[in-house]
Structure formats: structure tokens, C-alpha cells
């Protein structure tokens, strides 16, 4: 049986930094839109909103383990059932806009049962850290997760990020 933690984390890591989006008359840049997309997903994951998460994942999603949109959502639901509290600690390493409708995001993420508000708090928890490579696609003015790859990461990889 597949362990849902890393899979769910892949979905959740799409979702950080909503506070970065301030009101402005200027149109949002693609990077700002992606940061908002990630923040929204993080919020949905922490609130355990499967139906809302589904809206952030492309119907064409497929990962390296051959999970599709329904498969990744089933794993998320299983994780929710087994974990009462979900808190995400994330760090976006890079957002690379490859085309106006495609982007690649590299981020570090960990899930914990307690809130993490600083790097020191995260380190003291010794939570499992993952690095994610996310492929996003923009369709009808909305970013969606198209593909995710991940692996375990060491804290020094994130701390040495320029």
C-alpha cells in the first residue's frame, strides 16, 4: 500500500503565501498568481477541503507513480482521516515561467501536527522534509497542478538555498 504522506504533501505544497497578495490596480504577474495558487492550496489542505483541492488539480494530472487526479485526492482523503491536525511548513525555492501558460515550481515542504511559525520551530520538530518539482498549467485564466515529482530532502538543502 502506498503511504499517503508524500503524495498528499505534493498536493499541499502547491499552496502557500496568500498574505503576499495585496490589493492593487496593477494586474498580477504570473509569479504572483502562482504564489496565490500555492497559498490557496495550502489553506484548503490545512482545512481538509478535498472538493476545493480538486479544483486546483488538472483533470489531466498524472505523476511518476501513475496517480491521476482521483488517485491523489483519494490519498489526501485517507491522510485527512488519519490526521486530525494538518499544518504545512513550506519554502518556495524557484518559480520558473516556461511559457505564458506553463510554469515549473520547486519548493520544500513538510507536514506537521502542530503550527510552525519559524525555521527554528521547524528544525526542533524534526519533521520529514520533501523537495517538490511541480508542473503547472494555466487554462481559462486559472493555474492547475499538472504533474508532481518529489523526494526526501535534508534540512541543509533548504537552509543553503540562496
N, C-alpha and C. Protein backbone atom coordinates (compact mmCIF):
# COMPACT_ATOMS: atom_id res chain seq x y z
N UNK A 1 0.84 -1.19 0.00
CA UNK A 1 0.00 0.00 0.00
C UNK A 1 0.88 1.24 0.00
N UNK A 2 0.50 2.23 -0.77
CA UNK A 2 1.26 3.47 -0.84
C UNK A 2 1.00 4.31 0.39
N UNK A 3 2.05 4.91 0.93
CA UNK A 3 1.91 5.80 2.08
C UNK A 3 1.44 7.16 1.56
N UNK A 4 0.33 7.69 2.06
CA UNK A 4 -0.23 8.93 1.51
C UNK A 4 0.54 10.18 1.85
N UNK A 5 1.41 10.16 2.85
CA UNK A 5 2.11 11.37 3.29
C UNK A 5 2.78 12.14 2.17
N UNK A 6 3.74 11.53 1.44
CA UNK A 6 4.43 12.26 0.38
C UNK A 6 3.49 12.70 -0.74
N UNK A 7 2.52 11.86 -1.08
CA UNK A 7 1.59 12.22 -2.15
C UNK A 7 0.75 13.42 -1.74
N UNK A 8 0.25 13.37 -0.54
CA UNK A 8 -0.59 14.46 -0.05
C UNK A 8 0.23 15.72 0.07
N UNK A 9 1.46 15.57 0.53
CA UNK A 9 2.32 16.73 0.64
C UNK A 9 2.52 17.38 -0.72
N UNK A 10 2.61 16.57 -1.77
CA UNK A 10 2.78 17.11 -3.12
C UNK A 10 1.61 18.01 -3.47
N UNK A 11 0.43 17.55 -3.16
CA UNK A 11 -0.75 18.36 -3.44
C UNK A 11 -0.73 19.61 -2.56
N UNK A 12 -0.42 19.43 -1.31
CA UNK A 12 -0.47 20.54 -0.36
C UNK A 12 0.57 21.61 -0.66
N UNK A 13 1.67 21.17 -1.23
CA UNK A 13 2.73 22.12 -1.43
C UNK A 13 2.47 23.12 -2.53
N UNK A 14 1.41 22.93 -3.19
CA UNK A 14 1.01 23.89 -4.20
C UNK A 14 0.51 25.16 -3.56
N UNK A 15 0.45 25.23 -2.26
CA UNK A 15 -0.46 26.15 -1.63
C UNK A 15 0.14 26.96 -0.48
N UNK A 16 0.86 28.05 -0.74
CA UNK A 16 1.40 28.90 0.32
C UNK A 16 1.26 30.37 -0.01
N UNK A 17 1.52 31.21 0.94
CA UNK A 17 1.77 32.65 0.79
C UNK A 17 0.59 33.52 0.37
N UNK A 18 -0.63 33.25 0.80
CA UNK A 18 -1.77 34.08 0.40
C UNK A 18 -1.63 35.51 0.89
N UNK A 19 -0.94 35.70 1.97
CA UNK A 19 -0.79 37.04 2.52
C UNK A 19 0.02 37.96 1.62
N UNK A 20 0.73 37.41 0.64
CA UNK A 20 1.51 38.23 -0.28
C UNK A 20 0.65 39.01 -1.26
N UNK A 21 -0.60 38.60 -1.37
CA UNK A 21 -1.44 39.21 -2.39
C UNK A 21 -2.17 40.44 -1.83
N UNK A 22 -1.61 41.58 -2.02
CA UNK A 22 -2.23 42.83 -1.57
C UNK A 22 -3.10 43.39 -2.68
N UNK A 23 -4.04 44.21 -2.32
CA UNK A 23 -4.90 44.84 -3.33
C UNK A 23 -4.06 45.80 -4.17
N UNK A 24 -4.30 45.77 -5.46
CA UNK A 24 -3.54 46.60 -6.38
C UNK A 24 -4.33 46.80 -7.66
N UNK A 25 -4.10 47.95 -8.28
CA UNK A 25 -4.74 48.22 -9.57
C UNK A 25 -3.97 47.55 -10.71
N UNK A 26 -2.73 47.18 -10.44
CA UNK A 26 -1.93 46.54 -11.47
C UNK A 26 -2.31 45.07 -11.58
N UNK A 27 -2.32 44.53 -12.80
CA UNK A 27 -2.61 43.10 -12.94
C UNK A 27 -1.51 42.28 -12.25
N UNK A 28 -1.89 41.15 -11.71
CA UNK A 28 -0.93 40.28 -11.05
C UNK A 28 0.01 39.66 -12.07
N UNK A 29 1.26 39.54 -11.69
CA UNK A 29 2.21 38.84 -12.55
C UNK A 29 1.93 37.35 -12.45
N UNK A 30 2.47 36.60 -13.39
CA UNK A 30 2.30 35.15 -13.34
C UNK A 30 2.86 34.59 -12.04
N UNK A 31 4.00 35.11 -11.59
CA UNK A 31 4.58 34.63 -10.34
C UNK A 31 3.65 34.92 -9.16
N UNK A 32 3.07 36.09 -9.12
CA UNK A 32 2.11 36.42 -8.05
C UNK A 32 0.90 35.49 -8.09
N UNK A 33 0.41 35.21 -9.29
CA UNK A 33 -0.72 34.29 -9.43
C UNK A 33 -0.37 32.90 -8.92
N UNK A 34 0.83 32.44 -9.22
CA UNK A 34 1.27 31.12 -8.77
C UNK A 34 1.44 31.09 -7.26
N UNK A 35 2.02 32.13 -6.69
CA UNK A 35 2.14 32.20 -5.23
C UNK A 35 0.76 32.17 -4.57
N UNK A 36 -0.19 32.85 -5.17
CA UNK A 36 -1.55 32.84 -4.63
C UNK A 36 -2.17 31.45 -4.78
N UNK A 37 -1.93 30.82 -5.89
CA UNK A 37 -2.42 29.45 -6.13
C UNK A 37 -1.88 28.51 -5.04
N UNK A 38 -0.60 28.60 -4.77
CA UNK A 38 0.02 27.75 -3.75
C UNK A 38 -0.56 28.06 -2.37
N UNK A 39 -0.72 29.33 -2.07
CA UNK A 39 -1.28 29.73 -0.77
C UNK A 39 -2.70 29.21 -0.60
N UNK A 40 -3.48 29.29 -1.65
CA UNK A 40 -4.85 28.79 -1.60
C UNK A 40 -4.88 27.30 -1.34
N UNK A 41 -4.03 26.57 -2.03
CA UNK A 41 -3.97 25.13 -1.83
C UNK A 41 -3.53 24.76 -0.43
N UNK A 42 -2.58 25.50 0.11
CA UNK A 42 -2.15 25.24 1.48
C UNK A 42 -3.31 25.44 2.45
N UNK A 43 -4.04 26.51 2.25
CA UNK A 43 -5.20 26.78 3.10
C UNK A 43 -6.23 25.65 3.00
N UNK A 44 -6.54 25.22 1.79
CA UNK A 44 -7.51 24.14 1.60
C UNK A 44 -7.04 22.85 2.28
N UNK A 45 -5.75 22.56 2.15
CA UNK A 45 -5.21 21.33 2.75
C UNK A 45 -5.29 21.39 4.27
N UNK A 46 -4.88 22.51 4.84
CA UNK A 46 -4.93 22.63 6.29
C UNK A 46 -6.36 22.58 6.82
N UNK A 47 -7.31 23.02 5.99
CA UNK A 47 -8.72 22.96 6.38
C UNK A 47 -9.38 21.66 5.94
N UNK A 48 -8.61 20.78 5.28
CA UNK A 48 -9.07 19.45 4.89
C UNK A 48 -10.22 19.50 3.89
N UNK A 49 -10.15 20.40 2.93
CA UNK A 49 -11.21 20.60 1.94
C UNK A 49 -10.88 19.88 0.63
N UNK A 50 -11.28 18.62 0.55
CA UNK A 50 -10.98 17.80 -0.63
C UNK A 50 -11.61 18.39 -1.90
N UNK A 51 -12.87 18.78 -1.83
CA UNK A 51 -13.53 19.29 -3.04
C UNK A 51 -12.87 20.57 -3.54
N UNK A 52 -12.39 21.39 -2.63
CA UNK A 52 -11.69 22.61 -3.04
C UNK A 52 -10.32 22.27 -3.64
N UNK A 53 -9.61 21.29 -3.05
CA UNK A 53 -8.33 20.87 -3.60
C UNK A 53 -8.49 20.35 -5.03
N UNK A 54 -9.58 19.64 -5.26
CA UNK A 54 -9.83 19.08 -6.59
C UNK A 54 -9.82 20.17 -7.66
N UNK A 55 -10.32 21.34 -7.32
CA UNK A 55 -10.38 22.44 -8.27
C UNK A 55 -8.99 22.96 -8.65
N UNK A 56 -7.98 22.63 -7.85
CA UNK A 56 -6.62 23.10 -8.12
C UNK A 56 -5.78 22.09 -8.90
N UNK A 57 -6.33 20.92 -9.13
CA UNK A 57 -5.59 19.84 -9.80
C UNK A 57 -6.20 19.60 -11.18
N UNK A 58 -5.37 19.62 -12.18
CA UNK A 58 -5.83 19.39 -13.55
C UNK A 58 -6.48 18.03 -13.69
N UNK A 59 -7.50 17.96 -14.52
CA UNK A 59 -8.11 16.67 -14.84
C UNK A 59 -7.11 15.76 -15.54
N UNK A 60 -6.07 16.35 -16.12
CA UNK A 60 -5.02 15.60 -16.83
C UNK A 60 -3.82 15.30 -15.93
N UNK A 61 -3.94 15.53 -14.63
CA UNK A 61 -2.84 15.27 -13.71
C UNK A 61 -2.39 13.81 -13.81
N UNK A 62 -1.09 13.64 -13.80
CA UNK A 62 -0.50 12.29 -13.76
C UNK A 62 0.89 12.45 -13.15
N UNK A 63 1.21 11.66 -12.13
CA UNK A 63 2.54 11.76 -11.54
C UNK A 63 3.38 10.54 -11.89
N UNK A 64 4.60 10.55 -11.38
CA UNK A 64 5.55 9.49 -11.73
C UNK A 64 5.14 8.12 -11.21
N UNK A 65 4.21 8.09 -10.28
CA UNK A 65 3.70 6.81 -9.77
C UNK A 65 2.38 6.44 -10.42
N UNK A 66 2.08 7.14 -11.49
CA UNK A 66 0.89 6.88 -12.31
C UNK A 66 -0.43 7.21 -11.59
N UNK A 67 -0.37 8.07 -10.58
CA UNK A 67 -1.61 8.53 -9.95
C UNK A 67 -2.22 9.63 -10.79
N UNK A 68 -3.53 9.58 -10.92
CA UNK A 68 -4.25 10.64 -11.62
C UNK A 68 -4.93 11.54 -10.59
N UNK A 69 -5.76 12.45 -11.06
CA UNK A 69 -6.42 13.39 -10.16
C UNK A 69 -7.22 12.66 -9.07
N UNK A 70 -7.99 11.66 -9.46
CA UNK A 70 -8.80 10.92 -8.48
C UNK A 70 -7.92 10.17 -7.49
N UNK A 71 -6.84 9.61 -7.98
CA UNK A 71 -5.94 8.85 -7.11
C UNK A 71 -5.28 9.72 -6.04
N UNK A 72 -4.80 10.88 -6.44
CA UNK A 72 -4.13 11.76 -5.48
C UNK A 72 -5.14 12.30 -4.46
N UNK A 73 -6.36 12.53 -4.91
CA UNK A 73 -7.39 13.01 -3.99
C UNK A 73 -7.81 11.91 -3.01
N UNK A 74 -7.83 10.66 -3.46
CA UNK A 74 -8.12 9.55 -2.54
C UNK A 74 -7.05 9.45 -1.45
N UNK A 75 -5.81 9.63 -1.83
CA UNK A 75 -4.73 9.60 -0.84
C UNK A 75 -4.84 10.77 0.13
N UNK A 76 -5.21 11.93 -0.38
CA UNK A 76 -5.41 13.08 0.50
C UNK A 76 -6.51 12.78 1.51
N UNK A 77 -7.61 12.21 1.04
CA UNK A 77 -8.72 11.88 1.93
C UNK A 77 -8.28 10.88 3.00
N UNK A 78 -7.51 9.89 2.61
CA UNK A 78 -7.01 8.91 3.58
C UNK A 78 -6.11 9.58 4.62
N UNK A 79 -5.28 10.52 4.16
CA UNK A 79 -4.41 11.23 5.10
C UNK A 79 -5.24 12.07 6.06
N UNK A 80 -6.25 12.75 5.56
CA UNK A 80 -7.13 13.55 6.41
C UNK A 80 -7.78 12.70 7.49
N UNK A 81 -8.19 11.50 7.10
CA UNK A 81 -8.87 10.62 8.06
C UNK A 81 -7.92 10.18 9.17
N UNK A 82 -6.64 10.08 8.88
CA UNK A 82 -5.68 9.63 9.86
C UNK A 82 -4.97 10.72 10.64
N UNK A 83 -5.19 11.97 10.28
CA UNK A 83 -4.50 13.09 10.93
C UNK A 83 -5.49 14.21 11.24
N UNK A 84 -5.71 14.43 12.50
CA UNK A 84 -6.68 15.44 12.91
C UNK A 84 -6.19 16.86 12.62
N UNK A 85 -4.91 17.11 12.89
CA UNK A 85 -4.34 18.44 12.67
C UNK A 85 -3.32 18.39 11.54
N UNK A 86 -3.46 19.30 10.60
CA UNK A 86 -2.52 19.37 9.48
C UNK A 86 -2.00 20.81 9.40
N UNK A 87 -0.69 20.93 9.52
CA UNK A 87 -0.02 22.22 9.37
C UNK A 87 1.11 22.03 8.38
N UNK A 88 1.25 22.98 7.48
CA UNK A 88 2.28 22.90 6.46
C UNK A 88 3.36 23.93 6.71
N UNK A 89 4.58 23.53 6.48
CA UNK A 89 5.72 24.43 6.52
C UNK A 89 6.35 24.34 5.14
N UNK A 90 6.38 25.45 4.42
CA UNK A 90 6.85 25.43 3.04
C UNK A 90 7.85 26.55 2.77
N UNK A 91 8.65 26.32 1.76
CA UNK A 91 9.61 27.32 1.28
C UNK A 91 9.71 27.17 -0.23
N UNK A 92 9.29 28.19 -0.96
CA UNK A 92 9.40 28.16 -2.42
C UNK A 92 10.83 28.52 -2.79
N UNK A 93 11.48 27.60 -3.48
CA UNK A 93 12.85 27.82 -3.92
C UNK A 93 12.88 28.58 -5.23
N UNK A 94 11.99 28.20 -6.17
CA UNK A 94 12.05 28.78 -7.50
C UNK A 94 10.70 28.68 -8.20
N UNK A 95 10.35 29.74 -8.91
CA UNK A 95 9.21 29.71 -9.83
C UNK A 95 9.76 30.11 -11.18
N UNK A 96 9.62 29.21 -12.13
CA UNK A 96 10.13 29.46 -13.48
C UNK A 96 8.96 29.39 -14.46
N UNK A 97 8.66 30.53 -15.07
CA UNK A 97 7.59 30.59 -16.07
C UNK A 97 8.21 30.13 -17.39
N UNK A 98 7.80 28.96 -17.87
CA UNK A 98 8.39 28.41 -19.09
C UNK A 98 7.69 28.91 -20.35
N UNK A 99 6.39 29.17 -20.23
CA UNK A 99 5.56 29.76 -21.29
C UNK A 99 4.46 30.54 -20.57
N UNK A 100 3.74 31.39 -21.27
CA UNK A 100 2.68 32.14 -20.59
C UNK A 100 1.64 31.26 -19.88
N UNK A 101 1.50 30.02 -20.35
CA UNK A 101 0.51 29.13 -19.74
C UNK A 101 1.14 27.92 -19.04
N UNK A 102 2.46 27.95 -18.81
CA UNK A 102 3.13 26.84 -18.15
C UNK A 102 4.18 27.37 -17.18
N UNK A 103 4.32 26.66 -16.06
CA UNK A 103 5.32 27.05 -15.07
C UNK A 103 5.86 25.82 -14.36
N UNK A 104 7.05 25.99 -13.82
CA UNK A 104 7.71 24.95 -13.03
C UNK A 104 8.03 25.57 -11.67
N UNK A 105 7.65 24.88 -10.60
CA UNK A 105 7.88 25.37 -9.25
C UNK A 105 8.69 24.34 -8.48
N UNK A 106 9.72 24.81 -7.80
CA UNK A 106 10.49 23.96 -6.90
C UNK A 106 10.26 24.49 -5.50
N UNK A 107 9.82 23.59 -4.61
CA UNK A 107 9.60 24.03 -3.24
C UNK A 107 9.90 22.92 -2.26
N UNK A 108 10.21 23.35 -1.04
CA UNK A 108 10.42 22.43 0.07
C UNK A 108 9.16 22.46 0.92
N UNK A 109 8.80 21.30 1.48
CA UNK A 109 7.60 21.24 2.29
C UNK A 109 7.67 20.12 3.31
N UNK A 110 7.00 20.38 4.43
CA UNK A 110 6.83 19.37 5.46
C UNK A 110 5.46 19.55 6.08
N UNK A 111 4.86 18.44 6.50
CA UNK A 111 3.58 18.49 7.20
C UNK A 111 3.83 18.14 8.66
N UNK A 112 3.18 18.87 9.53
CA UNK A 112 3.30 18.61 10.96
C UNK A 112 1.91 18.63 11.58
N UNK A 113 1.82 18.14 12.79
CA UNK A 113 0.56 18.17 13.52
C UNK A 113 0.39 19.44 14.32
N UNK A 114 1.45 20.24 14.41
CA UNK A 114 1.39 21.50 15.15
C UNK A 114 1.84 22.64 14.26
N UNK A 115 1.40 23.82 14.57
CA UNK A 115 1.76 25.00 13.77
C UNK A 115 3.26 25.28 13.87
N UNK A 116 3.83 25.67 12.75
CA UNK A 116 5.26 26.00 12.68
C UNK A 116 5.35 27.43 12.16
N UNK A 117 5.89 28.31 13.00
CA UNK A 117 5.94 29.72 12.59
C UNK A 117 7.35 30.24 12.36
N UNK A 118 8.35 29.36 12.49
CA UNK A 118 9.72 29.80 12.26
C UNK A 118 10.58 28.60 11.85
N UNK A 119 11.74 28.90 11.30
CA UNK A 119 12.68 27.85 10.92
C UNK A 119 13.16 27.10 12.16
N UNK A 120 13.41 27.80 13.25
CA UNK A 120 13.85 27.15 14.49
C UNK A 120 12.81 26.15 14.99
N UNK A 121 11.54 26.55 14.94
CA UNK A 121 10.47 25.65 15.37
C UNK A 121 10.41 24.42 14.47
N UNK A 122 10.59 24.63 13.18
CA UNK A 122 10.57 23.51 12.25
C UNK A 122 11.72 22.54 12.54
N UNK A 123 12.90 23.06 12.72
CA UNK A 123 14.07 22.21 12.98
C UNK A 123 13.87 21.39 14.25
N UNK A 124 13.30 22.00 15.28
CA UNK A 124 13.11 21.28 16.54
C UNK A 124 12.09 20.14 16.41
N UNK A 125 11.19 20.22 15.45
CA UNK A 125 10.19 19.17 15.26
C UNK A 125 10.75 17.93 14.57
N UNK A 126 11.80 18.11 13.81
CA UNK A 126 12.39 17.01 13.05
C UNK A 126 11.38 16.34 12.12
N UNK A 127 10.56 17.13 11.50
CA UNK A 127 9.56 16.62 10.56
C UNK A 127 10.26 16.17 9.28
N UNK A 128 9.61 15.26 8.55
CA UNK A 128 10.14 14.83 7.26
C UNK A 128 10.00 15.97 6.26
N UNK A 129 11.09 16.25 5.59
CA UNK A 129 11.13 17.33 4.62
C UNK A 129 11.22 16.72 3.22
N UNK A 130 10.46 17.32 2.29
CA UNK A 130 10.47 16.88 0.90
C UNK A 130 10.75 18.07 0.01
N UNK A 131 11.37 17.80 -1.15
CA UNK A 131 11.50 18.81 -2.19
C UNK A 131 10.60 18.36 -3.34
N UNK A 132 9.84 19.30 -3.87
CA UNK A 132 8.87 19.02 -4.92
C UNK A 132 9.20 19.80 -6.17
N UNK A 133 9.03 19.12 -7.29
CA UNK A 133 9.12 19.74 -8.61
C UNK A 133 7.71 19.67 -9.18
N UNK A 134 7.08 20.82 -9.32
CA UNK A 134 5.68 20.88 -9.75
C UNK A 134 5.58 21.49 -11.14
N UNK A 135 4.79 20.87 -11.98
CA UNK A 135 4.47 21.42 -13.30
C UNK A 135 3.05 21.97 -13.22
N UNK A 136 2.91 23.25 -13.55
CA UNK A 136 1.61 23.90 -13.53
C UNK A 136 1.22 24.29 -14.94
N UNK A 137 -0.07 24.32 -15.18
CA UNK A 137 -0.60 24.75 -16.48
C UNK A 137 -1.72 25.75 -16.21
N UNK A 138 -1.79 26.75 -17.07
CA UNK A 138 -2.83 27.77 -16.94
C UNK A 138 -3.87 27.56 -18.03
N UNK A 139 -5.11 27.37 -17.61
CA UNK A 139 -6.20 27.17 -18.55
C UNK A 139 -7.38 28.00 -18.09
N UNK A 140 -7.97 28.75 -19.00
CA UNK A 140 -9.10 29.63 -18.66
C UNK A 140 -8.73 30.57 -17.51
N UNK A 141 -7.53 31.11 -17.55
CA UNK A 141 -7.02 32.06 -16.55
C UNK A 141 -6.85 31.49 -15.16
N UNK A 142 -6.76 30.17 -15.04
CA UNK A 142 -6.56 29.54 -13.74
C UNK A 142 -5.39 28.57 -13.80
N UNK A 143 -4.50 28.66 -12.82
CA UNK A 143 -3.39 27.73 -12.72
C UNK A 143 -3.87 26.43 -12.11
N UNK A 144 -3.35 25.30 -12.62
CA UNK A 144 -3.70 23.97 -12.13
C UNK A 144 -2.42 23.14 -12.03
N UNK A 145 -2.41 22.19 -11.10
CA UNK A 145 -1.32 21.25 -10.98
C UNK A 145 -1.46 20.19 -12.06
N UNK A 146 -0.41 20.02 -12.85
CA UNK A 146 -0.42 19.04 -13.94
C UNK A 146 0.41 17.81 -13.60
N UNK A 147 1.51 18.02 -12.89
CA UNK A 147 2.40 16.91 -12.56
C UNK A 147 3.22 17.28 -11.33
N UNK A 148 3.60 16.27 -10.56
CA UNK A 148 4.44 16.49 -9.38
C UNK A 148 5.45 15.36 -9.25
N UNK A 149 6.67 15.74 -8.93
CA UNK A 149 7.73 14.78 -8.59
C UNK A 149 8.27 15.23 -7.24
N UNK A 150 8.65 14.27 -6.40
CA UNK A 150 9.18 14.63 -5.10
C UNK A 150 10.15 13.59 -4.60
N UNK A 151 10.94 14.03 -3.61
CA UNK A 151 11.89 13.15 -2.94
C UNK A 151 12.14 13.71 -1.55
N UNK A 152 12.64 12.84 -0.68
CA UNK A 152 13.03 13.30 0.65
C UNK A 152 14.17 14.29 0.49
N UNK A 153 14.21 15.28 1.36
CA UNK A 153 15.25 16.29 1.33
C UNK A 153 15.85 16.42 2.72
N UNK A 154 17.04 16.95 2.76
CA UNK A 154 17.72 17.23 4.02
C UNK A 154 17.56 18.71 4.33
N UNK A 155 17.50 19.02 5.60
CA UNK A 155 17.30 20.42 6.02
C UNK A 155 18.38 21.34 5.46
N UNK A 156 19.61 20.84 5.34
CA UNK A 156 20.68 21.69 4.82
C UNK A 156 20.43 22.09 3.36
N UNK A 157 19.70 21.28 2.60
CA UNK A 157 19.37 21.66 1.23
C UNK A 157 18.52 22.92 1.21
N UNK A 158 17.59 23.00 2.14
CA UNK A 158 16.72 24.17 2.21
C UNK A 158 17.45 25.36 2.82
N UNK A 159 18.26 25.12 3.85
CA UNK A 159 18.98 26.20 4.52
C UNK A 159 20.04 26.82 3.61
N UNK A 160 20.58 26.03 2.68
CA UNK A 160 21.62 26.54 1.77
C UNK A 160 21.03 27.19 0.53
N UNK A 161 19.71 27.33 0.50
CA UNK A 161 19.05 27.96 -0.64
C UNK A 161 19.44 29.42 -0.69
N UNK A 162 19.96 29.91 -1.85
CA UNK A 162 20.38 31.32 -1.94
C UNK A 162 19.21 32.28 -1.87
